[in-house]
Amino acid sequence: MQNLLARIINQAQKNRQRIVFAETDDPRTLQAIDYLDDHKIVTPVLIGNKEKIGALAKDHSIKMALNDLEIFDPESPENAEKIE
């Protein structure tokens, strides 16, 4: 089983895809994003407020490199036009 998982991860790393995560208010999601990004399995795109995501990560001792991640905040003024 472990060999199968290693093969799946290896294949994902070779063909790294962008995955959008909308549940960024859940620390479990942030832990998963951190793991997937650290191991170069996917390129995460986070939906939410960068400051709130950073505060939640800090509160749960999740060391995410937020400046290196793509974060789309639908409530920000510059993104409001893109949504309409």
C-alpha atoms as a PDB file:
ATOM      1  CA  MET A   1       0.000   0.000   0.000  1.00  0.00           C
ATOM      2  CA  GLN A   2       2.804   2.384   0.895  1.00  0.00           C
ATOM      3  CA  ASN A   3       4.485   1.654  -2.442  1.00  0.00           C
ATOM      4  CA  LEU A   4       1.256   2.576  -4.254  1.00  0.00           C
ATOM      5  CA  LEU A   5       0.995   5.875  -2.380  1.00  0.00           C
ATOM      6  CA  ALA A   6       4.639   6.675  -3.144  1.00  0.00           C
ATOM      7  CA  ARG A   7       4.012   6.015  -6.845  1.00  0.00           C
ATOM      8  CA  ILE A   8       0.938   8.267  -6.847  1.00  0.00           C
ATOM      9  CA  ILE A   9       2.850  11.090  -5.119  1.00  0.00           C
ATOM     10  CA  ASN A  10       5.786  10.669  -7.497  1.00  0.00           C
ATOM     11  CA  GLN A  11       3.473  10.882 -10.509  1.00  0.00           C
ATOM     12  CA  ALA A  12       1.747  13.981  -9.091  1.00  0.00           C
ATOM     13  CA  GLN A  13       5.120  15.646  -8.524  1.00  0.00           C
ATOM     14  CA  LYS A  14       6.088  15.021 -12.138  1.00  0.00           C
ATOM     15  CA  ASN A  15       2.877  16.587 -13.410  1.00  0.00           C
ATOM     16  CA  ARG A  16       2.184  19.231 -10.751  1.00  0.00           C
ATOM     17  CA  GLN A  17      -1.321  20.673 -11.100  1.00  0.00           C
ATOM     18  CA  ARG A  18      -2.951  23.828  -9.712  1.00  0.00           C
ATOM     19  CA  ILE A  19      -5.649  22.984  -7.176  1.00  0.00           C
ATOM     20  CA  VAL A  20      -8.069  25.573  -5.768  1.00  0.00           C
ATOM     21  CA  PHE A  21      -8.860  25.397  -2.038  1.00  0.00           C
ATOM     22  CA  ALA A  22     -11.930  27.313  -0.884  1.00  0.00           C
ATOM     23  CA  GLU A  23     -12.153  26.050   2.721  1.00  0.00           C
ATOM     24  CA  THR A  24      -9.250  28.154   3.978  1.00  0.00           C
ATOM     25  CA  ASP A  25     -11.027  28.849   7.271  1.00  0.00           C
ATOM     26  CA  ASP A  26     -10.385  25.247   8.356  1.00  0.00           C
ATOM     27  CA  PRO A  27      -6.971  24.489   9.917  1.00  0.00           C
ATOM     28  CA  ARG A  28      -7.065  20.955   8.485  1.00  0.00           C
ATOM     29  CA  THR A  29      -7.241  22.425   5.000  1.00  0.00           C
ATOM     30  CA  LEU A  30      -4.283  24.688   5.752  1.00  0.00           C
ATOM     31  CA  GLN A  31      -2.286  21.701   7.050  1.00  0.00           C
ATOM     32  CA  ALA A  32      -3.054  19.799   3.847  1.00  0.00           C
ATOM     33  CA  ILE A  33      -2.092  22.787   1.698  1.00  0.00           C
ATOM     34  CA  ASP A  34       1.166  23.168   3.600  1.00  0.00           C
ATOM     35  CA  TYR A  35       2.019  19.478   3.146  1.00  0.00           C
ATOM     36  CA  LEU A  36       1.094  19.397  -0.547  1.00  0.00           C
ATOM     37  CA  ASP A  37       3.073  22.554  -1.279  1.00  0.00           C
ATOM     38  CA  ASP A  38       6.129  21.541   0.798  1.00  0.00           C
ATOM     39  CA  HIS A  39       6.319  18.199  -1.001  1.00  0.00           C
ATOM     40  CA  LYS A  40       5.718  19.814  -4.419  1.00  0.00           C
ATOM     41  CA  ILE A  41       2.676  17.605  -5.036  1.00  0.00           C
ATOM     42  CA  VAL A  42       0.338  20.395  -6.192  1.00  0.00           C
ATOM     43  CA  THR A  43       0.429  24.141  -6.743  1.00  0.00           C
ATOM     44  CA  PRO A  44      -2.244  25.390  -4.339  1.00  0.00           C
ATOM     45  CA  VAL A  45      -4.490  28.372  -5.004  1.00  0.00           C
ATOM     46  CA  LEU A  46      -6.225  29.623  -1.859  1.00  0.00           C
ATOM     47  CA  ILE A  47      -9.562  31.441  -1.803  1.00  0.00           C
ATOM     48  CA  GLY A  48      -9.869  33.858   1.111  1.00  0.00           C
ATOM     49  CA  ASN A  49      -8.404  36.785   2.967  1.00  0.00           C
ATOM     50  CA  LYS A  50      -4.612  36.563   3.275  1.00  0.00           C
ATOM     51  CA  GLU A  51      -4.532  38.114   6.765  1.00  0.00           C
ATOM     52  CA  LYS A  52      -7.219  35.748   8.099  1.00  0.00           C
ATOM     53  CA  ILE A  53      -5.497  32.737   6.563  1.00  0.00           C
ATOM     54  CA  GLY A  54      -2.177  33.830   8.057  1.00  0.00           C
ATOM     55  CA  ALA A  55      -3.694  34.354  11.516  1.00  0.00           C
ATOM     56  CA  LEU A  56      -5.386  30.937  11.462  1.00  0.00           C
ATOM     57  CA  ALA A  57      -2.169  29.263  10.329  1.00  0.00           C
ATOM     58  CA  LYS A  58      -0.220  30.994  13.101  1.00  0.00           C
ATOM     59  CA  ASP A  59      -2.845  30.039  15.728  1.00  0.00           C
ATOM     60  CA  HIS A  60      -2.427  26.378  14.736  1.00  0.00           C
ATOM     61  CA  SER A  61       1.380  26.453  14.346  1.00  0.00           C
ATOM     62  CA  ILE A  62       1.192  25.910  10.588  1.00  0.00           C
ATOM     63  CA  LYS A  63       4.273  27.441   8.976  1.00  0.00           C
ATOM     64  CA  MET A  64       2.957  28.394   5.551  1.00  0.00           C
ATOM     65  CA  ALA A  65       4.896  30.605   3.153  1.00  0.00           C
ATOM     66  CA  LEU A  66       1.884  32.775   2.294  1.00  0.00           C
ATOM     67  CA  ASN A  67       3.956  35.138   0.155  1.00  0.00           C
ATOM     68  CA  ASP A  68       4.849  32.211  -2.113  1.00  0.00           C
ATOM     69  CA  LEU A  69       1.243  31.036  -2.531  1.00  0.00           C
ATOM     70  CA  GLU A  70      -1.406  32.323  -4.896  1.00  0.00           C
ATOM     71  CA  ILE A  71      -4.274  33.727  -2.829  1.00  0.00           C
ATOM     72  CA  PHE A  72      -7.465  35.041  -4.391  1.00  0.00           C
ATOM     73  CA  ASP A  73      -9.564  37.210  -2.067  1.00  0.00           C
ATOM     74  CA  PRO A  74     -13.021  37.599  -3.648  1.00  0.00           C
ATOM     75  CA  GLU A  75     -13.842  40.450  -1.252  1.00  0.00           C
ATOM     76  CA  SER A  76     -10.879  42.630  -2.186  1.00  0.00           C
ATOM     77  CA  PRO A  77     -11.687  45.709  -4.314  1.00  0.00           C
ATOM     78  CA  GLU A  78      -9.295  44.710  -7.115  1.00  0.00           C
ATOM     79  CA  ASN A  79     -10.951  41.287  -7.455  1.00  0.00           C
ATOM     80  CA  ALA A  80     -14.540  42.545  -7.290  1.00  0.00           C
ATOM     81  CA  GLU A  81     -14.400  43.462 -10.979  1.00  0.00           C
ATOM     82  CA  LYS A  82     -13.160  39.996 -11.939  1.00  0.00           C
ATOM     83  CA  ILE A  83     -16.122  38.319 -10.257  1.00  0.00           C
ATOM     84  CA  GLU A  84     -18.859  40.419 -11.850  1.00  0.00           C
END
